[in-house]
Amino acid sequence: MTGEAGNGIFRIGMGMTKVTLKVRNYKDPEKVYQGKFLVDSGTTYTIVPAKVLKKLGIKPQDEAEFSLADASKTIKRKVGFALFEFNGKQGPAPVVFGEKDDSELLGALTLEALGLVLDPVKRKLYKAKLRL
């Protein structure tokens, strides 16, 4: 990491950005996990380690098939729902139960649920202009 850019946003090498994100059980919001997630607007869902979600009491609702970014293969992962928080703003979104060696990623649907958009040039999160 090259350092904090402010408001829980960290710039790391090769134009990547990590943010401090809270994950909560939407049925019991007092249960919370805070971690540093790589912002990946090309990833649909946010990935959180399965053991963390289990500790929060979040249960899988389904299993989905995902294509990797390089299209080399598809993988299956369990999916549930969580409440996410960034800089005091909360929003519910689907969550992938990450397996061993899966990275913690902040995906596009969670960004949308939080009303945020990633500026790919400046690698910063901004309030999204919402449309109906």
C-alpha atoms as a PDB file:
ATOM      1  CA  MET A   1       0.000   0.000   0.000  1.00  0.00           C
ATOM      2  CA  THR A   2       1.288   3.417  -0.844  1.00  0.00           C
ATOM      3  CA  GLY A   3      -0.829   5.140   1.745  1.00  0.00           C
ATOM      4  CA  GLU A   4      -4.177   6.450   2.786  1.00  0.00           C
ATOM      5  CA  ALA A   5      -5.815   8.838   0.336  1.00  0.00           C
ATOM      6  CA  GLY A   6      -8.408   9.873   2.925  1.00  0.00           C
ATOM      7  CA  ASN A   7     -11.884   8.792   4.025  1.00  0.00           C
ATOM      8  CA  GLY A   8     -10.908   5.139   4.331  1.00  0.00           C
ATOM      9  CA  ILE A   9      -9.522   4.944   0.760  1.00  0.00           C
ATOM     10  CA  PHE A  10      -6.057   3.480   0.252  1.00  0.00           C
ATOM     11  CA  ARG A  11      -4.075   3.642  -2.978  1.00  0.00           C
ATOM     12  CA  ILE A  12      -1.910   0.645  -3.697  1.00  0.00           C
ATOM     13  CA  GLY A  13       0.480  -0.138  -6.523  1.00  0.00           C
ATOM     14  CA  MET A  14      -0.509  -0.490 -10.190  1.00  0.00           C
ATOM     15  CA  GLY A  15      -3.494   1.870 -10.034  1.00  0.00           C
ATOM     16  CA  MET A  16      -5.496  -0.176  -7.557  1.00  0.00           C
ATOM     17  CA  THR A  17      -7.579   1.130  -4.678  1.00  0.00           C
ATOM     18  CA  LYS A  18      -8.555  -0.455  -1.374  1.00  0.00           C
ATOM     19  CA  VAL A  19     -11.223   0.876   0.958  1.00  0.00           C
ATOM     20  CA  THR A  20     -12.162   0.256   4.560  1.00  0.00           C
ATOM     21  CA  LEU A  21     -15.573  -1.381   4.428  1.00  0.00           C
ATOM     22  CA  LYS A  22     -17.871  -2.655   7.171  1.00  0.00           C
ATOM     23  CA  VAL A  23     -19.953  -5.779   6.621  1.00  0.00           C
ATOM     24  CA  ARG A  24     -22.975  -6.411   8.845  1.00  0.00           C
ATOM     25  CA  ASN A  25     -25.623  -9.053   9.255  1.00  0.00           C
ATOM     26  CA  TYR A  26     -28.725  -7.210   7.996  1.00  0.00           C
ATOM     27  CA  LYS A  27     -30.873  -9.177  10.479  1.00  0.00           C
ATOM     28  CA  ASP A  28     -28.543  -8.337  13.386  1.00  0.00           C
ATOM     29  CA  PRO A  29     -26.593  -5.135  12.493  1.00  0.00           C
ATOM     30  CA  GLU A  30     -24.664  -5.182  15.785  1.00  0.00           C
ATOM     31  CA  LYS A  31     -22.577  -8.010  14.324  1.00  0.00           C
ATOM     32  CA  VAL A  32     -19.928  -6.287  12.222  1.00  0.00           C
ATOM     33  CA  TYR A  33     -16.683  -7.036  10.389  1.00  0.00           C
ATOM     34  CA  GLN A  34     -14.353  -4.324   9.141  1.00  0.00           C
ATOM     35  CA  GLY A  35     -11.766  -5.009   6.460  1.00  0.00           C
ATOM     36  CA  LYS A  36      -9.812  -3.495   3.593  1.00  0.00           C
ATOM     37  CA  PHE A  37     -11.382  -4.420   0.253  1.00  0.00           C
ATOM     38  CA  LEU A  38      -9.953  -4.029  -3.225  1.00  0.00           C
ATOM     39  CA  VAL A  39     -12.384  -1.964  -5.316  1.00  0.00           C
ATOM     40  CA  ASP A  40     -13.203  -3.948  -8.466  1.00  0.00           C
ATOM     41  CA  SER A  41     -16.002  -2.333 -10.456  1.00  0.00           C
ATOM     42  CA  GLY A  42     -15.744  -5.213 -12.950  1.00  0.00           C
ATOM     43  CA  THR A  43     -16.793  -7.709 -10.274  1.00  0.00           C
ATOM     44  CA  THR A  44     -20.543  -8.042  -9.865  1.00  0.00           C
ATOM     45  CA  TYR A  45     -20.759  -9.053  -6.184  1.00  0.00           C
ATOM     46  CA  THR A  46     -18.594  -8.274  -3.162  1.00  0.00           C
ATOM     47  CA  ILE A  47     -16.498 -11.179  -1.876  1.00  0.00           C
ATOM     48  CA  VAL A  48     -16.076 -11.733   1.881  1.00  0.00           C
ATOM     49  CA  PRO A  49     -14.392 -14.792   3.411  1.00  0.00           C
ATOM     50  CA  ALA A  50     -16.969 -17.475   4.246  1.00  0.00           C
ATOM     51  CA  LYS A  51     -15.597 -17.827   7.794  1.00  0.00           C
ATOM     52  CA  VAL A  52     -16.249 -14.103   8.410  1.00  0.00           C
ATOM     53  CA  LEU A  53     -19.811 -14.346   7.095  1.00  0.00           C
ATOM     54  CA  LYS A  54     -20.424 -17.411   9.244  1.00  0.00           C
ATOM     55  CA  LYS A  55     -19.220 -15.505  12.363  1.00  0.00           C
ATOM     56  CA  LEU A  56     -21.642 -12.702  11.457  1.00  0.00           C
ATOM     57  CA  GLY A  57     -24.477 -15.233  11.216  1.00  0.00           C
ATOM     58  CA  ILE A  58     -24.997 -14.643   7.493  1.00  0.00           C
ATOM     59  CA  LYS A  59     -26.188 -17.786   5.736  1.00  0.00           C
ATOM     60  CA  PRO A  60     -25.952 -18.724   2.058  1.00  0.00           C
ATOM     61  CA  GLN A  61     -29.219 -18.358   0.142  1.00  0.00           C
ATOM     62  CA  ASP A  62     -28.057 -19.755  -3.191  1.00  0.00           C
ATOM     63  CA  GLU A  63     -25.094 -20.919  -5.230  1.00  0.00           C
ATOM     64  CA  ALA A  64     -24.056 -19.061  -8.375  1.00  0.00           C
ATOM     65  CA  GLU A  65     -21.618 -19.631 -11.203  1.00  0.00           C
ATOM     66  CA  PHE A  66     -19.095 -16.871 -11.958  1.00  0.00           C
ATOM     67  CA  SER A  67     -16.796 -16.334 -14.926  1.00  0.00           C
ATOM     68  CA  LEU A  68     -13.310 -15.171 -13.979  1.00  0.00           C
ATOM     69  CA  ALA A  69     -12.177 -11.832 -15.431  1.00  0.00           C
ATOM     70  CA  ASP A  70      -9.705 -13.506 -17.783  1.00  0.00           C
ATOM     71  CA  ALA A  71     -12.444 -15.930 -18.935  1.00  0.00           C
ATOM     72  CA  SER A  72     -10.113 -18.864 -18.193  1.00  0.00           C
ATOM     73  CA  LYS A  73     -12.780 -20.745 -16.245  1.00  0.00           C
ATOM     74  CA  THR A  74     -15.982 -20.520 -14.267  1.00  0.00           C
ATOM     75  CA  ILE A  75     -16.297 -21.165 -10.554  1.00  0.00           C
ATOM     76  CA  LYS A  76     -19.199 -21.776  -8.176  1.00  0.00           C
ATOM     77  CA  ARG A  77     -19.623 -19.894  -4.930  1.00  0.00           C
ATOM     78  CA  LYS A  78     -22.330 -19.618  -2.284  1.00  0.00           C
ATOM     79  CA  VAL A  79     -24.190 -16.296  -2.192  1.00  0.00           C
ATOM     80  CA  GLY A  80     -26.119 -14.540   0.580  1.00  0.00           C
ATOM     81  CA  PHE A  81     -27.055 -10.996   1.572  1.00  0.00           C
ATOM     82  CA  ALA A  82     -25.293  -8.483   3.814  1.00  0.00           C
ATOM     83  CA  LEU A  83     -25.515  -4.875   4.887  1.00  0.00           C
ATOM     84  CA  PHE A  84     -22.445  -2.872   3.848  1.00  0.00           C
ATOM     85  CA  GLU A  85     -21.191   0.428   5.232  1.00  0.00           C
ATOM     86  CA  PHE A  86     -18.666   2.918   3.858  1.00  0.00           C
ATOM     87  CA  ASN A  87     -18.052   6.291   5.533  1.00  0.00           C
ATOM     88  CA  GLY A  88     -21.345   6.080   7.426  1.00  0.00           C
ATOM     89  CA  LYS A  89     -23.492   5.241   4.372  1.00  0.00           C
ATOM     90  CA  GLN A  90     -25.191   1.827   4.477  1.00  0.00           C
ATOM     91  CA  GLY A  91     -26.731  -0.323   1.766  1.00  0.00           C
ATOM     92  CA  PRO A  92     -27.789  -3.969   1.349  1.00  0.00           C
ATOM     93  CA  ALA A  93     -26.320  -6.126  -1.414  1.00  0.00           C
ATOM     94  CA  PRO A  94     -25.572  -9.731  -2.367  1.00  0.00           C
ATOM     95  CA  VAL A  95     -22.337 -11.174  -0.975  1.00  0.00           C
ATOM     96  CA  VAL A  96     -20.183 -14.062  -2.180  1.00  0.00           C
ATOM     97  CA  PHE A  97     -18.886 -16.541   0.392  1.00  0.00           C
ATOM     98  CA  GLY A  98     -15.182 -16.392  -0.410  1.00  0.00           C
ATOM     99  CA  GLU A  99     -13.148 -19.554  -0.278  1.00  0.00           C
ATOM    100  CA  LYS A 100      -9.473 -20.094   0.525  1.00  0.00           C
ATOM    101  CA  ASP A 101      -7.263 -17.756  -1.557  1.00  0.00           C
ATOM    102  CA  ASP A 102     -10.241 -15.612  -2.733  1.00  0.00           C
ATOM    103  CA  SER A 103      -9.503 -11.910  -2.307  1.00  0.00           C
ATOM    104  CA  GLU A 104     -11.793  -9.510  -0.465  1.00  0.00           C
ATOM    105  CA  LEU A 105     -13.321  -7.512  -3.324  1.00  0.00           C
ATOM    106  CA  LEU A 106     -15.814  -4.644  -3.330  1.00  0.00           C
ATOM    107  CA  GLY A 107     -18.048  -5.269  -6.351  1.00  0.00           C
ATOM    108  CA  ALA A 108     -20.304  -3.157  -8.551  1.00  0.00           C
ATOM    109  CA  LEU A 109     -23.665  -4.006  -6.926  1.00  0.00           C
ATOM    110  CA  THR A 110     -22.373  -3.002  -3.495  1.00  0.00           C
ATOM    111  CA  LEU A 111     -20.990   0.241  -4.939  1.00  0.00           C
ATOM    112  CA  GLU A 112     -24.440   0.929  -6.396  1.00  0.00           C
ATOM    113  CA  ALA A 113     -26.172   0.028  -3.109  1.00  0.00           C
ATOM    114  CA  LEU A 114     -23.932   2.565  -1.359  1.00  0.00           C
ATOM    115  CA  GLY A 115     -24.597   5.204  -4.038  1.00  0.00           C
ATOM    116  CA  LEU A 116     -20.942   5.256  -5.104  1.00  0.00           C
ATOM    117  CA  VAL A 117     -19.029   5.167  -8.352  1.00  0.00           C
ATOM    118  CA  LEU A 118     -15.325   4.545  -8.992  1.00  0.00           C
ATOM    119  CA  ASP A 119     -13.386   7.127 -11.000  1.00  0.00           C
ATOM    120  CA  PRO A 120     -11.068   4.781 -12.945  1.00  0.00           C
ATOM    121  CA  VAL A 121      -8.533   7.531 -13.675  1.00  0.00           C
ATOM    122  CA  LYS A 122      -8.165   9.047 -10.196  1.00  0.00           C
ATOM    123  CA  ARG A 123      -8.982   5.710  -8.485  1.00  0.00           C
ATOM    124  CA  LYS A 124     -11.309   7.447  -6.021  1.00  0.00           C
ATOM    125  CA  LEU A 125     -14.891   6.778  -4.991  1.00  0.00           C
ATOM    126  CA  TYR A 126     -17.464   9.499  -5.572  1.00  0.00           C
ATOM    127  CA  LYS A 127     -21.160   9.892  -4.895  1.00  0.00           C
ATOM    128  CA  ALA A 128     -22.983   8.472  -7.909  1.00  0.00           C
ATOM    129  CA  LYS A 129     -25.466  10.465  -9.956  1.00  0.00           C
ATOM    130  CA  LEU A 130     -28.495   8.260  -9.513  1.00  0.00           C
ATOM    131  CA  ARG A 131     -31.010   7.828 -12.309  1.00  0.00           C
ATOM    132  CA  LEU A 132     -34.603   6.600 -12.291  1.00  0.00           C
END
